[in-house]
Amino acid sequence: MKINKIIAAFGNMNQIMEGVKNKVFKKQDIEDIADIRWMQCVACPALDETGKHCAMPKTQPCCADCGCSLGLKLRALSSSCPKGKWQAITSAEGDRAIKEQITNSKVEKALNKKNK
C-alpha cells in the first residue's frame, strides 16, 4: 500500500536528503557507487520503471519493494537495498561524523595558516 511507503519515507528523511544532495552536487566516487548499485537493480524483479509502486508519483524508476526513487536511493551512501542486493556504506550518523571531522580539519588548517 502506498500510504505505508509514504509513512516509511518520513522515517528515512536523512537518507532522502543525502540522496538529493549527492544527485545535485555530483561527485565521481558516489556516481561510481550508484552505477554499481544500479546494475543490481536492473536485474531485480522489484525494479519499477513505470512508477506504479513509487511512494511519490513521477519519481521512477523506483523500487517496488520500498517505493524509493532509485535516482536518490542509489546515491545515499547510508541507504541499503531492502532485498539485500547492496548494503549501506556508512550510516547517517557516520556520514555526519565524517563531515564534521572534515569541517573541523579545514577550520583548524585555516586557523593555523592565519596564526603563522
PDB file of N, CA and C in Angstrom:
ATOM      1  N   MET A   1       0.839  -1.177   0.000  1.00  0.00           N
ATOM      2  CA  MET A   1       0.000   0.000   0.000  1.00  0.00           C
ATOM      3  C   MET A   1       0.891   1.249   0.000  1.00  0.00           C
ATOM      4  N   LYS A   2       0.596   2.205  -0.855  1.00  0.00           N
ATOM      5  CA  LYS A   2       1.417   3.408  -0.996  1.00  0.00           C
ATOM      6  C   LYS A   2       1.503   4.240   0.270  1.00  0.00           C
ATOM      7  N   ILE A   3       0.442   4.321   1.039  1.00  0.00           N
ATOM      8  CA  ILE A   3       0.455   5.152   2.246  1.00  0.00           C
ATOM      9  C   ILE A   3       1.523   4.656   3.212  1.00  0.00           C
ATOM     10  N   ASN A   4       1.712   3.332   3.310  1.00  0.00           N
ATOM     11  CA  ASN A   4       2.755   2.773   4.167  1.00  0.00           C
ATOM     12  C   ASN A   4       4.143   3.178   3.668  1.00  0.00           C
ATOM     13  N   LYS A   5       4.310   3.226   2.357  1.00  0.00           N
ATOM     14  CA  LYS A   5       5.598   3.621   1.778  1.00  0.00           C
ATOM     15  C   LYS A   5       5.868   5.106   2.031  1.00  0.00           C
ATOM     16  N   ILE A   6       4.841   5.913   1.964  1.00  0.00           N
ATOM     17  CA  ILE A   6       4.993   7.355   2.223  1.00  0.00           C
ATOM     18  C   ILE A   6       5.354   7.577   3.690  1.00  0.00           C
ATOM     19  N   ILE A   7       4.690   6.878   4.584  1.00  0.00           N
ATOM     20  CA  ILE A   7       4.988   6.998   6.017  1.00  0.00           C
ATOM     21  C   ILE A   7       6.417   6.546   6.292  1.00  0.00           C
ATOM     22  N   ALA A   8       6.837   5.445   5.678  1.00  0.00           N
ATOM     23  CA  ALA A   8       8.206   4.956   5.860  1.00  0.00           C
ATOM     24  C   ALA A   8       9.221   5.977   5.348  1.00  0.00           C
ATOM     25  N   ALA A   9       8.872   6.695   4.284  1.00  0.00           N
ATOM     26  CA  ALA A   9       9.780   7.702   3.724  1.00  0.00           C
ATOM     27  C   ALA A   9      10.086   8.793   4.742  1.00  0.00           C
ATOM     28  N   PHE A  10       9.109   9.173   5.550  1.00  0.00           N
ATOM     29  CA  PHE A  10       9.353  10.200   6.563  1.00  0.00           C
ATOM     30  C   PHE A  10      10.394   9.742   7.581  1.00  0.00           C
ATOM     31  N   GLY A  11      10.440   8.448   7.852  1.00  0.00           N
ATOM     32  CA  GLY A  11      11.448   7.912   8.753  1.00  0.00           C
ATOM     33  C   GLY A  11      12.836   7.880   8.146  1.00  0.00           C
ATOM     34  N   ASN A  12      12.901   7.993   6.830  1.00  0.00           N
ATOM     35  CA  ASN A  12      14.178   7.957   6.108  1.00  0.00           C
ATOM     36  C   ASN A  12      14.546   9.323   5.527  1.00  0.00           C
ATOM     37  N   MET A  13      14.061  10.383   6.139  1.00  0.00           N
ATOM     38  CA  MET A  13      14.267  11.723   5.593  1.00  0.00           C
ATOM     39  C   MET A  13      15.759  12.063   5.448  1.00  0.00           C
ATOM     40  N   ASN A  14      16.599  11.637   6.395  1.00  0.00           N
ATOM     41  CA  ASN A  14      18.030  11.914   6.294  1.00  0.00           C
ATOM     42  C   ASN A  14      18.635  11.257   5.058  1.00  0.00           C
ATOM     43  N   GLN A  15      18.220  10.026   4.774  1.00  0.00           N
ATOM     44  CA  GLN A  15      18.727   9.333   3.590  1.00  0.00           C
ATOM     45  C   GLN A  15      18.214   9.991   2.316  1.00  0.00           C
ATOM     46  N   ILE A  16      16.969  10.421   2.329  1.00  0.00           N
ATOM     47  CA  ILE A  16      16.411  11.096   1.155  1.00  0.00           C
ATOM     48  C   ILE A  16      17.179  12.381   0.880  1.00  0.00           C
ATOM     49  N   MET A  17      17.424  13.153   1.924  1.00  0.00           N
ATOM     50  CA  MET A  17      18.165  14.417   1.745  1.00  0.00           C
ATOM     51  C   MET A  17      19.603  14.155   1.299  1.00  0.00           C
ATOM     52  N   GLU A  18      20.207  13.090   1.808  1.00  0.00           N
ATOM     53  CA  GLU A  18      21.556  12.708   1.375  1.00  0.00           C
ATOM     54  C   GLU A  18      21.538  12.376  -0.115  1.00  0.00           C
ATOM     55  N   GLY A  19      20.536  11.636  -0.557  1.00  0.00           N
ATOM     56  CA  GLY A  19      20.406  11.292  -1.967  1.00  0.00           C
ATOM     57  C   GLY A  19      20.194  12.516  -2.836  1.00  0.00           C
ATOM     58  N   VAL A  20      19.360  13.456  -2.374  1.00  0.00           N
ATOM     59  CA  VAL A  20      19.127  14.701  -3.120  1.00  0.00           C
ATOM     60  C   VAL A  20      20.428  15.485  -3.255  1.00  0.00           C
ATOM     61  N   LYS A  21      21.126  15.650  -2.136  1.00  0.00           N
ATOM     62  CA  LYS A  21      22.398  16.402  -2.139  1.00  0.00           C
ATOM     63  C   LYS A  21      23.395  15.764  -3.097  1.00  0.00           C
ATOM     64  N   ASN A  22      23.525  14.434  -3.028  1.00  0.00           N
ATOM     65  CA  ASN A  22      24.505  13.747  -3.873  1.00  0.00           C
ATOM     66  C   ASN A  22      24.092  13.702  -5.334  1.00  0.00           C
ATOM     67  N   LYS A  23      22.800  13.827  -5.608  1.00  0.00           N
ATOM     68  CA  LYS A  23      22.347  13.880  -7.009  1.00  0.00           C
ATOM     69  C   LYS A  23      22.590  15.274  -7.599  1.00  0.00           C
ATOM     70  N   VAL A  24      22.383  16.302  -6.783  1.00  0.00           N
ATOM     71  CA  VAL A  24      22.565  17.686  -7.253  1.00  0.00           C
ATOM     72  C   VAL A  24      24.047  18.042  -7.332  1.00  0.00           C
ATOM     73  N   PHE A  25      24.785  17.735  -6.270  1.00  0.00           N
ATOM     74  CA  PHE A  25      26.214  18.051  -6.204  1.00  0.00           C
ATOM     75  C   PHE A  25      26.988  16.771  -6.461  1.00  0.00           C
ATOM     76  N   LYS A  26      27.110  16.426  -7.733  1.00  0.00           N
ATOM     77  CA  LYS A  26      27.686  15.138  -8.132  1.00  0.00           C
ATOM     78  C   LYS A  26      29.179  15.050  -7.813  1.00  0.00           C
ATOM     79  N   LYS A  27      29.556  13.867  -7.311  1.00  0.00           N
ATOM     80  CA  LYS A  27      30.948  13.515  -7.077  1.00  0.00           C
ATOM     81  C   LYS A  27      31.175  12.177  -7.758  1.00  0.00           C
ATOM     82  N   GLN A  28      32.292  12.043  -8.431  1.00  0.00           N
ATOM     83  CA  GLN A  28      32.529  10.849  -9.241  1.00  0.00           C
ATOM     84  C   GLN A  28      32.506   9.566  -8.424  1.00  0.00           C
ATOM     85  N   ASP A  29      33.060   9.571  -7.208  1.00  0.00           N
ATOM     86  CA  ASP A  29      33.074   8.336  -6.419  1.00  0.00           C
ATOM     87  C   ASP A  29      31.654   7.889  -6.068  1.00  0.00           C
ATOM     88  N   ILE A  30      30.786   8.831  -5.770  1.00  0.00           N
ATOM     89  CA  ILE A  30      29.393   8.489  -5.453  1.00  0.00           C
ATOM     90  C   ILE A  30      28.658   8.033  -6.709  1.00  0.00           C
ATOM     91  N   GLU A  31      28.936   8.666  -7.830  1.00  0.00           N
ATOM     92  CA  GLU A  31      28.329   8.235  -9.095  1.00  0.00           C
ATOM     93  C   GLU A  31      28.777   6.821  -9.458  1.00  0.00           C
ATOM     94  N   ASP A  32      30.038   6.486  -9.180  1.00  0.00           N
ATOM     95  CA  ASP A  32      30.533   5.129  -9.438  1.00  0.00           C
ATOM     96  C   ASP A  32      29.785   4.106  -8.578  1.00  0.00           C
ATOM     97  N   ILE A  33      29.564   4.447  -7.316  1.00  0.00           N
ATOM     98  CA  ILE A  33      28.810   3.564  -6.418  1.00  0.00           C
ATOM     99  C   ILE A  33      27.372   3.424  -6.917  1.00  0.00           C
ATOM    100  N   ALA A  34      26.759   4.533  -7.315  1.00  0.00           N
ATOM    101  CA  ALA A  34      25.387   4.498  -7.840  1.00  0.00           C
ATOM    102  C   ALA A  34      25.307   3.605  -9.079  1.00  0.00           C
ATOM    103  N   ASP A  35      26.316   3.671  -9.943  1.00  0.00           N
ATOM    104  CA  ASP A  35      26.333   2.827 -11.152  1.00  0.00           C
ATOM    105  C   ASP A  35      26.404   1.338 -10.789  1.00  0.00           C
ATOM    106  N   ILE A  36      27.237   1.013  -9.806  1.00  0.00           N
ATOM    107  CA  ILE A  36      27.359  -0.386  -9.372  1.00  0.00           C
ATOM    108  C   ILE A  36      26.036  -0.858  -8.779  1.00  0.00           C
ATOM    109  N   ARG A  37      25.431  -0.030  -7.948  1.00  0.00           N
ATOM    110  CA  ARG A  37      24.142  -0.381  -7.352  1.00  0.00           C
ATOM    111  C   ARG A  37      23.069  -0.530  -8.430  1.00  0.00           C
ATOM    112  N   TRP A  38      23.075   0.372  -9.412  1.00  0.00           N
ATOM    113  CA  TRP A  38      22.072   0.344 -10.483  1.00  0.00           C
ATOM    114  C   TRP A  38      22.122  -0.977 -11.245  1.00  0.00           C
ATOM    115  N   MET A  39      23.336  -1.502 -11.457  1.00  0.00           N
ATOM    116  CA  MET A  39      23.463  -2.768 -12.174  1.00  0.00           C
ATOM    117  C   MET A  39      22.745  -3.893 -11.421  1.00  0.00           C
ATOM    118  N   GLN A  40      22.724  -3.838 -10.098  1.00  0.00           N
ATOM    119  CA  GLN A  40      21.984  -4.817  -9.307  1.00  0.00           C
ATOM    120  C   GLN A  40      20.471  -4.595  -9.465  1.00  0.00           C
ATOM    121  N   CYS A  41      20.071  -3.336  -9.472  1.00  0.00           N
ATOM    122  CA  CYS A  41      18.639  -3.005  -9.584  1.00  0.00           C
ATOM    123  C   CYS A  41      18.070  -3.396 -10.939  1.00  0.00           C
ATOM    124  N   VAL A  42      18.842  -3.222 -11.989  1.00  0.00           N
ATOM    125  CA  VAL A  42      18.371  -3.547 -13.340  1.00  0.00           C
ATOM    126  C   VAL A  42      18.001  -5.024 -13.441  1.00  0.00           C
ATOM    127  N   ALA A  43      18.733  -5.862 -12.729  1.00  0.00           N
ATOM    128  CA  ALA A  43      18.484  -7.305 -12.776  1.00  0.00           C
ATOM    129  C   ALA A  43      17.424  -7.760 -11.765  1.00  0.00           C
ATOM    130  N   CYS A  44      16.903  -6.845 -10.976  1.00  0.00           N
ATOM    131  CA  CYS A  44      15.973  -7.192  -9.898  1.00  0.00           C
ATOM    132  C   CYS A  44      14.517  -7.124 -10.379  1.00  0.00           C
ATOM    133  N   PRO A  45      13.703  -8.104 -10.006  1.00  0.00           N
ATOM    134  CA  PRO A  45      12.283  -8.070 -10.391  1.00  0.00           C
ATOM    135  C   PRO A  45      11.498  -6.951  -9.692  1.00  0.00           C
ATOM    136  N   ALA A  46      12.063  -6.349  -8.652  1.00  0.00           N
ATOM    137  CA  ALA A  46      11.371  -5.263  -7.933  1.00  0.00           C
ATOM    138  C   ALA A  46      11.581  -3.902  -8.601  1.00  0.00           C
ATOM    139  N   LEU A  47      12.351  -3.849  -9.681  1.00  0.00           N
ATOM    140  CA  LEU A  47      12.555  -2.580 -10.392  1.00  0.00           C
ATOM    141  C   LEU A  47      11.236  -2.146 -11.022  1.00  0.00           C
ATOM    142  N   ASP A  48      10.806  -0.941 -10.700  1.00  0.00           N
ATOM    143  CA  ASP A  48       9.568  -0.378 -11.243  1.00  0.00           C
ATOM    144  C   ASP A  48       9.924   0.821 -12.112  1.00  0.00           C
ATOM    145  N   GLU A  49       9.887   0.624 -13.401  1.00  0.00           N
ATOM    146  CA  GLU A  49      10.222   1.715 -14.323  1.00  0.00           C
ATOM    147  C   GLU A  49       8.997   2.536 -14.718  1.00  0.00           C
ATOM    148  N   THR A  50       7.801   2.058 -14.394  1.00  0.00           N
ATOM    149  CA  THR A  50       6.580   2.776 -14.761  1.00  0.00           C
ATOM    150  C   THR A  50       6.111   3.728 -13.662  1.00  0.00           C
ATOM    151  N   GLY A  51       6.533   3.484 -12.425  1.00  0.00           N
ATOM    152  CA  GLY A  51       6.134   4.339 -11.316  1.00  0.00           C
ATOM    153  C   GLY A  51       4.907   3.863 -10.569  1.00  0.00           C
ATOM    154  N   LYS A  52       4.399   2.704 -10.918  1.00  0.00           N
ATOM    155  CA  LYS A  52       3.187   2.177 -10.288  1.00  0.00           C
ATOM    156  C   LYS A  52       3.351   1.982  -8.779  1.00  0.00           C
ATOM    157  N   HIS A  53       4.547   1.602  -8.330  1.00  0.00           N
ATOM    158  CA  HIS A  53       4.776   1.297  -6.917  1.00  0.00           C
ATOM    159  C   HIS A  53       5.620   2.352  -6.203  1.00  0.00           C
ATOM    160  N   CYS A  54       5.877   3.489  -6.844  1.00  0.00           N
ATOM    161  CA  CYS A  54       6.685   4.544  -6.231  1.00  0.00           C
ATOM    162  C   CYS A  54       5.903   5.213  -5.102  1.00  0.00           C
ATOM    163  N   ALA A  55       6.591   5.511  -4.004  1.00  0.00           N
ATOM    164  CA  ALA A  55       5.942   6.216  -2.893  1.00  0.00           C
ATOM    165  C   ALA A  55       5.473   7.597  -3.337  1.00  0.00           C
ATOM    166  N   MET A  56       6.265   8.248  -4.150  1.00  0.00           N
ATOM    167  CA  MET A  56       5.908   9.565  -4.673  1.00  0.00           C
ATOM    168  C   MET A  56       5.731   9.473  -6.191  1.00  0.00           C
ATOM    169  N   PRO A  57       4.643   9.977  -6.725  1.00  0.00           N
ATOM    170  CA  PRO A  57       4.392   9.910  -8.168  1.00  0.00           C
ATOM    171  C   PRO A  57       5.501  10.585  -8.980  1.00  0.00           C
ATOM    172  N   LYS A  58       5.742  10.026 -10.134  1.00  0.00           N
ATOM    173  CA  LYS A  58       6.683  10.559 -11.124  1.00  0.00           C
ATOM    174  C   LYS A  58       8.138  10.573 -10.642  1.00  0.00           C
ATOM    175  N   THR A  59       8.494   9.615  -9.753  1.00  0.00           N
ATOM    176  CA  THR A  59       9.878   9.520  -9.288  1.00  0.00           C
ATOM    177  C   THR A  59      10.551   8.246  -9.784  1.00  0.00           C
ATOM    178  N   GLN A  60       9.921   7.584 -10.772  1.00  0.00           N
ATOM    179  CA  GLN A  60      10.510   6.369 -11.305  1.00  0.00           C
ATOM    180  C   GLN A  60      11.806   6.672 -12.067  1.00  0.00           C
ATOM    181  N   PRO A  61      12.666   5.670 -12.166  1.00  0.00           N
ATOM    182  CA  PRO A  61      12.487   4.322 -11.676  1.00  0.00           C
ATOM    183  C   PRO A  61      12.579   4.278 -10.156  1.00  0.00           C
ATOM    184  N   CYS A  62      11.828   3.339  -9.603  1.00  0.00           N
ATOM    185  CA  CYS A  62      11.844   3.181  -8.150  1.00  0.00           C
ATOM    186  C   CYS A  62      11.867   1.700  -7.808  1.00  0.00           C
ATOM    187  N   CYS A  63      11.998   1.436  -6.534  1.00  0.00           N
ATOM    188  CA  CYS A  63      11.973   0.068  -6.032  1.00  0.00           C
ATOM    189  C   CYS A  63      10.540  -0.265  -5.649  1.00  0.00           C
ATOM    190  N   ALA A  64       9.966  -1.282  -6.259  1.00  0.00           N
ATOM    191  CA  ALA A  64       8.599  -1.680  -5.940  1.00  0.00           C
ATOM    192  C   ALA A  64       8.500  -2.198  -4.514  1.00  0.00           C
ATOM    193  N   ASP A  65       9.601  -2.660  -3.972  1.00  0.00           N
ATOM    194  CA  ASP A  65       9.599  -3.210  -2.618  1.00  0.00           C
ATOM    195  C   ASP A  65       9.444  -2.120  -1.561  1.00  0.00           C
ATOM    196  N   CYS A  66      10.224  -1.035  -1.675  1.00  0.00           N
ATOM    197  CA  CYS A  66      10.174   0.026  -0.654  1.00  0.00           C
ATOM    198  C   CYS A  66       9.551   1.323  -1.173  1.00  0.00           C
ATOM    199  N   GLY A  67       9.415   1.473  -2.485  1.00  0.00           N
ATOM    200  CA  GLY A  67       8.810   2.668  -3.069  1.00  0.00           C
ATOM    201  C   GLY A  67       9.771   3.821  -3.281  1.00  0.00           C
ATOM    202  N   CYS A  68      11.040   3.622  -2.943  1.00  0.00           N
ATOM    203  CA  CYS A  68      12.035   4.707  -3.047  1.00  0.00           C
ATOM    204  C   CYS A  68      12.412   4.996  -4.492  1.00  0.00           C
ATOM    205  N   SER A  69      12.630   6.276  -4.770  1.00  0.00           N
ATOM    206  CA  SER A  69      13.162   6.692  -6.059  1.00  0.00           C
ATOM    207  C   SER A  69      14.612   6.238  -6.133  1.00  0.00           C
ATOM    208  N   LEU A  70      14.950   5.473  -7.148  1.00  0.00           N
ATOM    209  CA  LEU A  70      16.309   4.960  -7.253  1.00  0.00           C
ATOM    210  C   LEU A  70      17.311   6.046  -7.624  1.00  0.00           C
ATOM    211  N   GLY A  71      16.855   7.105  -8.254  1.00  0.00           N
ATOM    212  CA  GLY A  71      17.746   8.225  -8.551  1.00  0.00           C
ATOM    213  C   GLY A  71      18.349   8.818  -7.292  1.00  0.00           C
ATOM    214  N   LEU A  72      17.616   8.739  -6.180  1.00  0.00           N
ATOM    215  CA  LEU A  72      18.100   9.244  -4.889  1.00  0.00           C
ATOM    216  C   LEU A  72      18.687   8.125  -4.038  1.00  0.00           C
ATOM    217  N   LYS A  73      17.985   7.012  -3.951  1.00  0.00           N
ATOM    218  CA  LYS A  73      18.403   5.919  -3.067  1.00  0.00           C
ATOM    219  C   LYS A  73      19.782   5.386  -3.431  1.00  0.00           C
ATOM    220  N   LEU A  74      20.062   5.271  -4.708  1.00  0.00           N
ATOM    221  CA  LEU A  74      21.362   4.747  -5.142  1.00  0.00           C
ATOM    222  C   LEU A  74      22.513   5.646  -4.713  1.00  0.00           C
ATOM    223  N   ARG A  75      22.237   6.939  -4.525  1.00  0.00           N
ATOM    224  CA  ARG A  75      23.276   7.916  -4.182  1.00  0.00           C
ATOM    225  C   ARG A  75      23.359   8.212  -2.686  1.00  0.00           C
ATOM    226  N   ALA A  76      22.481   7.630  -1.905  1.00  0.00           N
ATOM    227  CA  ALA A  76      22.517   7.798  -0.451  1.00  0.00           C
ATOM    228  C   ALA A  76      23.383   6.680   0.122  1.00  0.00           C
ATOM    229  N   LEU A  77      24.602   7.015   0.502  1.00  0.00           N
ATOM    230  CA  LEU A  77      25.547   6.002   0.962  1.00  0.00           C
ATOM    231  C   LEU A  77      25.090   5.324   2.248  1.00  0.00           C
ATOM    232  N   SER A  78      24.195   5.955   2.993  1.00  0.00           N
ATOM    233  CA  SER A  78      23.680   5.358   4.224  1.00  0.00           C
ATOM    234  C   SER A  78      22.444   4.495   3.965  1.00  0.00           C
ATOM    235  N   SER A  79      22.099   4.314   2.704  1.00  0.00           N
ATOM    236  CA  SER A  79      20.927   3.543   2.316  1.00  0.00           C
ATOM    237  C   SER A  79      21.341   2.138   1.884  1.00  0.00           C
ATOM    238  N   SER A  80      20.429   1.186   2.057  1.00  0.00           N
ATOM    239  CA  SER A  80      20.685  -0.181   1.598  1.00  0.00           C
ATOM    240  C   SER A  80      19.470  -0.707   0.843  1.00  0.00           C
ATOM    241  N   CYS A  81      19.695  -1.729   0.076  1.00  0.00           N
ATOM    242  CA  CYS A  81      18.629  -2.367  -0.699  1.00  0.00           C
ATOM    243  C   CYS A  81      17.749  -3.185   0.235  1.00  0.00           C
ATOM    244  N   PRO A  82      16.419  -3.050   0.141  1.00  0.00           N
ATOM    245  CA  PRO A  82      15.538  -3.830   1.013  1.00  0.00           C
ATOM    246  C   PRO A  82      15.608  -5.340   0.738  1.00  0.00           C
ATOM    247  N   LYS A  83      16.106  -5.703  -0.422  1.00  0.00           N
ATOM    248  CA  LYS A  83      16.247  -7.118  -0.776  1.00  0.00           C
ATOM    249  C   LYS A  83      17.648  -7.645  -0.476  1.00  0.00           C
ATOM    250  N   GLY A  84      18.530  -6.775   0.058  1.00  0.00           N
ATOM    251  CA  GLY A  84      19.881  -7.191   0.429  1.00  0.00           C
ATOM    252  C   GLY A  84      20.863  -7.295  -0.727  1.00  0.00           C
ATOM    253  N   LYS A  85      20.534  -6.707  -1.869  1.00  0.00           N
ATOM    254  CA  LYS A  85      21.417  -6.798  -3.039  1.00  0.00           C
ATOM    255  C   LYS A  85      22.641  -5.899  -2.912  1.00  0.00           C
ATOM    256  N   TRP A  86      22.520  -4.805  -2.140  1.00  0.00           N
ATOM    257  CA  TRP A  86      23.665  -3.934  -1.822  1.00  0.00           C
ATOM    258  C   TRP A  86      23.425  -3.302  -0.457  1.00  0.00           C
ATOM    259  N   GLN A  87      24.519  -3.049   0.231  1.00  0.00           N
ATOM    260  CA  GLN A  87      24.462  -2.580   1.616  1.00  0.00           C
ATOM    261  C   GLN A  87      24.824  -1.101   1.726  1.00  0.00           C
ATOM    262  N   ALA A  88      24.456  -0.519   2.856  1.00  0.00           N
ATOM    263  CA  ALA A  88      24.876   0.850   3.171  1.00  0.00           C
ATOM    264  C   ALA A  88      26.388   0.848   3.352  1.00  0.00           C
ATOM    265  N   ILE A  89      27.013   1.911   2.902  1.00  0.00           N
ATOM    266  CA  ILE A  89      28.459   2.049   3.041  1.00  0.00           C
ATOM    267  C   ILE A  89      28.785   2.743   4.361  1.00  0.00           C
ATOM    268  N   THR A  90      27.914   3.629   4.767  1.00  0.00           N
ATOM    269  CA  THR A  90      28.060   4.330   6.035  1.00  0.00           C
ATOM    270  C   THR A  90      26.673   4.570   6.606  1.00  0.00           C
ATOM    271  N   SER A  91      26.613   4.799   7.892  1.00  0.00           N
ATOM    272  CA  SER A  91      25.330   5.147   8.490  1.00  0.00           C
ATOM    273  C   SER A  91      25.136   6.654   8.366  1.00  0.00           C
ATOM    274  N   ALA A  92      23.934   7.111   8.587  1.00  0.00           N
ATOM    275  CA  ALA A  92      23.678   8.555   8.555  1.00  0.00           C
ATOM    276  C   ALA A  92      24.523   9.243   9.620  1.00  0.00           C
ATOM    277  N   GLU A  93      24.654   8.600  10.788  1.00  0.00           N
ATOM    278  CA  GLU A  93      25.468   9.175  11.865  1.00  0.00           C
ATOM    279  C   GLU A  93      26.942   9.196  11.473  1.00  0.00           C
ATOM    280  N   GLY A  94      27.401   8.123  10.855  1.00  0.00           N
ATOM    281  CA  GLY A  94      28.794   8.055  10.399  1.00  0.00           C
ATOM    282  C   GLY A  94      29.091   9.110   9.351  1.00  0.00           C
ATOM    283  N   ASP A  95      28.137   9.330   8.453  1.00  0.00           N
ATOM    284  CA  ASP A  95      28.296  10.355   7.418  1.00  0.00           C
ATOM    285  C   ASP A  95      28.418  11.734   8.051  1.00  0.00           C
ATOM    286  N   ARG A  96      27.569  12.015   9.045  1.00  0.00           N
ATOM    287  CA  ARG A  96      27.647  13.312   9.740  1.00  0.00           C
ATOM    288  C   ARG A  96      28.977  13.456  10.469  1.00  0.00           C
ATOM    289  N   ALA A  97      29.462  12.380  11.091  1.00  0.00           N
ATOM    290  CA  ALA A  97      30.730  12.434  11.824  1.00  0.00           C
ATOM    291  C   ALA A  97      31.892  12.698  10.874  1.00  0.00           C
ATOM    292  N   ILE A  98      31.867  12.079   9.711  1.00  0.00           N
ATOM    293  CA  ILE A  98      32.919  12.300   8.715  1.00  0.00           C
ATOM    294  C   ILE A  98      32.904  13.754   8.252  1.00  0.00           C
ATOM    295  N   LYS A  99      31.724  14.280   7.955  1.00  0.00           N
ATOM    296  CA  LYS A  99      31.609  15.671   7.506  1.00  0.00           C
ATOM    297  C   LYS A  99      32.075  16.640   8.583  1.00  0.00           C
ATOM    298  N   GLU A 100      31.736  16.344   9.835  1.00  0.00           N
ATOM    299  CA  GLU A 100      32.155  17.198  10.944  1.00  0.00           C
ATOM    300  C   GLU A 100      33.678  17.179  11.094  1.00  0.00           C
ATOM    301  N   GLN A 101      34.255  16.002  10.948  1.00  0.00           N
ATOM    302  CA  GLN A 101      35.715  15.883  11.048  1.00  0.00           C
ATOM    303  C   GLN A 101      36.399  16.665   9.922  1.00  0.00           C
ATOM    304  N   ILE A 102      35.867  16.588   8.728  1.00  0.00           N
ATOM    305  CA  ILE A 102      36.433  17.331   7.594  1.00  0.00           C
ATOM    306  C   ILE A 102      36.315  18.825   7.839  1.00  0.00           C
ATOM    307  N   THR A 103      35.147  19.258   8.289  1.00  0.00           N
ATOM    308  CA  THR A 103      34.930  20.677   8.577  1.00  0.00           C
ATOM    309  C   THR A 103      35.891  21.160   9.649  1.00  0.00           C
ATOM    310  N   ASN A 104      36.005  20.395  10.739  1.00  0.00           N
ATOM    311  CA  ASN A 104      36.915  20.780  11.821  1.00  0.00           C
ATOM    312  C   ASN A 104      38.354  20.844  11.341  1.00  0.00           C
ATOM    313  N   SER A 105      38.738  19.918  10.487  1.00  0.00           N
ATOM    314  CA  SER A 105      40.098  19.903   9.945  1.00  0.00           C
ATOM    315  C   SER A 105      40.352  21.142   9.094  1.00  0.00           C
ATOM    316  N   LYS A 106      39.369  21.528   8.288  1.00  0.00           N
ATOM    317  CA  LYS A 106      39.511  22.725   7.448  1.00  0.00           C
ATOM    318  C   LYS A 106      39.612  23.979   8.305  1.00  0.00           C
ATOM    319  N   VAL A 107      38.807  24.050   9.364  1.00  0.00           N
ATOM    320  CA  VAL A 107      38.853  25.202  10.265  1.00  0.00           C
ATOM    321  C   VAL A 107      40.209  25.260  10.959  1.00  0.00           C
ATOM    322  N   GLU A 108      40.684  24.107  11.414  1.00  0.00           N
ATOM    323  CA  GLU A 108      41.982  24.054  12.100  1.00  0.00           C
ATOM    324  C   GLU A 108      43.103  24.497  11.160  1.00  0.00           C
ATOM    325  N   LYS A 109      43.076  24.042   9.923  1.00  0.00           N
ATOM    326  CA  LYS A 109      44.094  24.445   8.943  1.00  0.00           C
ATOM    327  C   LYS A 109      44.035  25.948   8.692  1.00  0.00           C
ATOM    328  N   ALA A 110      42.830  26.475   8.578  1.00  0.00           N
ATOM    329  CA  ALA A 110      42.681  27.913   8.336  1.00  0.00           C
ATOM    330  C   ALA A 110      43.206  28.713   9.525  1.00  0.00           C
ATOM    331  N   LEU A 111      42.932  28.260  10.737  1.00  0.00           N
ATOM    332  CA  LEU A 111      43.432  28.948  11.922  1.00  0.00           C
ATOM    333  C   LEU A 111      44.952  28.870  12.010  1.00  0.00           C
ATOM    334  N   ASN A 112      45.505  27.727  11.707  1.00  0.00           N
ATOM    335  CA  ASN A 112      46.964  27.580  11.723  1.00  0.00           C
ATOM    336  C   ASN A 112      47.620  28.487  10.689  1.00  0.00           C
ATOM    337  N   LYS A 113      47.006  28.587   9.524  1.00  0.00           N
ATOM    338  CA  LYS A 113      47.526  29.441   8.461  1.00  0.00           C
ATOM    339  C   LYS A 113      47.475  30.899   8.887  1.00  0.00           C
ATOM    340  N   LYS A 114      46.393  31.272   9.541  1.00  0.00           N
ATOM    341  CA  LYS A 114      46.195  32.654   9.979  1.00  0.00           C
ATOM    342  C   LYS A 114      47.201  33.022  11.079  1.00  0.00           C
ATOM    343  N   ASN A 115      47.515  32.071  11.955  1.00  0.00           N
ATOM    344  CA  ASN A 115      48.422  32.335  13.081  1.00  0.00           C
ATOM    345  C   ASN A 115      49.899  32.334  12.678  1.00  0.00           C
ATOM    346  N   LYS A 116      50.215  31.934  11.482  1.00  0.00           N
ATOM    347  CA  LYS A 116      51.619  31.900  11.029  1.00  0.00           C
ATOM    348  C   LYS A 116      52.075  33.234  10.524  1.00  0.00           C
TER     349      LYS A 116
END
